Amino acid sequence: MDSDIFPRCEVGLQYNPANASDTQVSLTPFHGFSPFLKSLRISLNALQNSQIFDLIASLPILEDMTLLTNGVDTDDAPRLDVPPSAVQPLTSPPFTGTLDLTLRMGMGPVTRRLLGLPSGVHFRRLVLSWLHETDLRWLNALVAECSGTLEHLTVTRYQRGMPTSFLP
């Protein structure tokens, strides 16, 4: 099959457990879900950083990604001063479309892994929500990495649980 048959294939994963602390969801069944998948939206209460990037590595033509989560489990989140211990794939998706991140527990672990992907990130559109002052470092790094391709930037700061537009 040719990817031109499915010019825009999108899948959304949403898991709302009865127990808000339940992080035992596995993304493994979705690895290689479709070789034609170009857009992915993940909305989970919490998950492990490694699960996100194992899934991403299995989707070779992924362009757009939306990640909405209350937190990334820190048991596998790399420290800022230590390189990732997981084996990185030799290639990564093109990531040339939209990146939409809402990570209420901090952007560091996910953004650091995105910036370390072998093929880099080349998003044309960034939609980023931040809560902690330390997130600004990661916002700036994403904007700098995408500066050659960036056409649209939306940054939102969360205050008291409600999004408040920070930049148009």
Protein backbone atom coordinates (compact mmCIF):
# COMPACT_ATOMS: atom_id res chain seq x y z
CA MET A 1 0.00 0.00 0.00
CA ASP A 2 1.10 3.50 -0.67
CA SER A 3 0.82 6.31 1.88
CA ASP A 4 -0.79 8.49 -0.81
CA ILE A 5 -3.92 6.35 -0.50
CA PHE A 6 -4.37 7.68 3.05
CA PRO A 7 -3.12 11.29 2.84
CA ARG A 8 -4.09 12.07 6.47
CA CYS A 9 -4.57 9.20 8.87
CA GLU A 10 -5.21 10.23 12.48
CA VAL A 11 -5.76 8.27 15.67
CA GLY A 12 -6.61 9.43 19.14
CA LEU A 13 -5.91 7.57 22.36
CA GLN A 14 -7.87 8.56 25.43
CA TYR A 15 -7.95 6.75 28.75
CA ASN A 16 -9.90 8.05 31.72
CA PRO A 17 -9.46 5.58 34.60
CA ALA A 18 -11.87 5.53 37.52
CA ASN A 19 -8.84 5.89 39.78
CA ALA A 20 -7.02 9.12 38.85
CA SER A 21 -3.70 7.66 40.03
CA ASP A 22 -3.96 4.64 37.68
CA THR A 23 -0.97 4.77 35.33
CA GLN A 24 -0.98 1.09 34.35
CA VAL A 25 -2.14 1.81 30.80
CA SER A 26 0.19 0.42 28.13
CA LEU A 27 0.71 1.97 24.70
CA THR A 28 2.48 -1.17 23.42
CA PRO A 29 -0.60 -2.52 21.56
CA PHE A 30 -0.51 0.62 19.40
CA HIS A 31 3.11 0.23 18.24
CA GLY A 32 3.19 0.22 14.46
CA PHE A 33 -0.59 0.79 14.60
CA SER A 34 -0.50 2.02 11.05
CA PRO A 35 2.46 2.67 8.79
CA PHE A 36 0.34 5.49 7.36
CA LEU A 37 -0.35 7.31 10.62
CA LYS A 38 0.46 11.01 10.30
CA SER A 39 -1.37 12.47 13.32
CA LEU A 40 -1.47 11.21 16.88
CA ARG A 41 -3.43 12.60 19.84
CA ILE A 42 -2.75 11.11 23.27
CA SER A 43 -4.92 12.18 26.20
CA LEU A 44 -4.07 10.28 29.36
CA ASN A 45 -4.11 11.05 33.06
CA ALA A 46 -0.47 10.02 33.43
CA LEU A 47 2.01 7.82 31.60
CA GLN A 48 5.65 6.92 31.42
CA ASN A 49 7.96 8.99 29.24
CA SER A 50 9.43 5.83 27.69
CA GLN A 51 5.98 4.66 26.56
CA ILE A 52 5.43 7.87 24.60
CA PHE A 53 8.74 7.62 22.78
CA ASP A 54 8.52 3.87 22.15
CA LEU A 55 5.19 4.56 20.43
CA ILE A 56 6.60 7.50 18.46
CA ALA A 57 9.52 5.39 17.25
CA SER A 58 7.06 2.84 15.83
CA LEU A 59 5.27 5.43 13.63
CA PRO A 60 7.70 6.34 10.81
CA ILE A 61 5.75 9.12 9.05
CA LEU A 62 4.23 10.87 12.08
CA GLU A 63 3.95 14.61 11.43
CA ASP A 64 1.53 15.90 14.08
CA MET A 65 1.39 15.06 17.78
CA THR A 66 -0.91 16.22 20.56
CA LEU A 67 -0.06 15.15 24.09
CA LEU A 68 -2.42 16.10 26.92
CA THR A 69 -1.56 14.69 30.32
CA ASN A 70 -1.59 15.62 33.97
CA GLY A 71 1.85 14.16 34.36
CA VAL A 72 4.66 12.06 33.03
CA ASP A 73 5.81 9.47 35.53
CA THR A 74 9.18 10.54 36.83
CA ASP A 75 10.46 7.02 37.45
CA ASP A 76 11.82 6.95 33.91
CA ALA A 77 12.08 10.70 33.25
CA PRO A 78 15.69 11.68 32.62
CA ARG A 79 17.40 14.24 34.80
CA LEU A 80 18.43 17.44 33.05
CA ASP A 81 22.14 16.79 33.63
CA VAL A 82 22.16 13.12 32.58
CA PRO A 83 21.80 11.88 28.99
CA PRO A 84 18.88 9.53 28.33
CA SER A 85 19.74 5.93 29.17
CA ALA A 86 17.27 4.37 26.75
CA VAL A 87 18.59 3.35 23.36
CA GLN A 88 17.51 5.99 20.88
CA PRO A 89 16.19 4.86 17.48
CA LEU A 90 18.43 5.55 14.48
CA THR A 91 15.63 7.47 12.77
CA SER A 92 12.61 9.34 14.00
CA PRO A 93 9.37 10.63 12.45
CA PRO A 94 9.58 13.79 10.35
CA PHE A 95 7.54 15.90 12.81
CA THR A 96 6.82 18.63 10.24
CA GLY A 97 3.21 19.47 11.18
CA THR A 98 1.79 20.51 14.55
CA LEU A 99 3.01 19.86 18.08
CA ASP A 100 0.39 20.50 20.77
CA LEU A 101 1.68 19.94 24.32
CA THR A 102 -0.26 20.34 27.54
CA LEU A 103 1.84 18.79 30.29
CA ARG A 104 0.57 20.07 33.61
CA MET A 105 3.35 18.44 35.64
CA GLY A 106 6.14 20.04 33.61
CA MET A 107 7.47 20.00 30.06
CA GLY A 108 11.06 18.97 30.76
CA PRO A 109 11.03 15.17 30.38
CA VAL A 110 9.00 15.05 27.16
CA THR A 111 10.54 18.12 25.53
CA ARG A 112 14.07 16.95 26.29
CA ARG A 113 13.41 13.64 24.55
CA LEU A 114 11.80 15.40 21.56
CA LEU A 115 14.82 17.66 21.15
CA GLY A 116 17.11 14.62 21.28
CA LEU A 117 15.43 12.69 18.46
CA PRO A 118 17.89 11.72 15.69
CA SER A 119 15.99 13.52 12.91
CA GLY A 120 15.20 16.53 15.09
CA VAL A 121 11.88 18.35 15.12
CA HIS A 122 10.74 20.62 12.30
CA PHE A 123 7.21 21.57 13.32
CA ARG A 124 5.45 24.35 11.42
CA ARG A 125 2.96 24.93 14.22
CA LEU A 126 3.58 24.88 17.99
CA VAL A 127 0.72 25.02 20.52
CA LEU A 128 2.32 24.93 23.96
CA SER A 129 0.79 25.23 27.41
CA TRP A 130 2.94 25.84 30.45
CA LEU A 131 2.46 26.07 34.18
CA HIS A 132 5.88 26.17 35.83
CA GLU A 133 8.54 28.85 35.32
CA THR A 134 11.03 26.08 34.46
CA ASP A 135 8.86 25.23 31.43
CA LEU A 136 9.94 28.48 29.76
CA ARG A 137 13.40 27.02 29.13
CA TRP A 138 11.83 24.13 27.24
CA LEU A 139 9.44 26.40 25.31
CA ASN A 140 12.38 28.48 24.14
CA ALA A 141 14.33 25.38 23.13
CA LEU A 142 11.43 24.05 21.03
CA VAL A 143 10.93 27.40 19.32
CA ALA A 144 14.66 27.64 18.56
CA GLU A 145 14.78 24.08 17.19
CA CYS A 146 11.82 24.75 14.90
CA SER A 147 12.82 28.30 13.92
CA GLY A 148 13.59 27.37 10.32
CA THR A 149 10.13 25.89 9.72
CA LEU A 150 7.90 27.60 12.32
CA GLU A 151 4.86 29.45 10.91
CA HIS A 152 2.57 29.61 13.94
CA LEU A 153 3.17 29.79 17.68
CA THR A 154 0.57 29.72 20.46
CA VAL A 155 1.73 29.74 24.07
CA THR A 156 -0.74 29.47 26.96
CA ARG A 157 -0.05 29.76 30.66
CA TYR A 158 -2.24 27.86 33.10
CA GLN A 159 -3.37 29.81 36.15
CA ARG A 160 -5.58 28.29 38.85
CA GLY A 161 -6.47 25.38 36.60
CA MET A 162 -7.78 27.57 33.79
CA PRO A 163 -5.89 28.29 30.56
CA THR A 164 -5.15 31.95 30.01
CA SER A 165 -3.83 33.06 26.65
CA PHE A 166 -0.26 34.28 26.99
CA LEU A 167 0.64 34.95 23.36
CA PRO A 168 -1.74 34.96 20.36
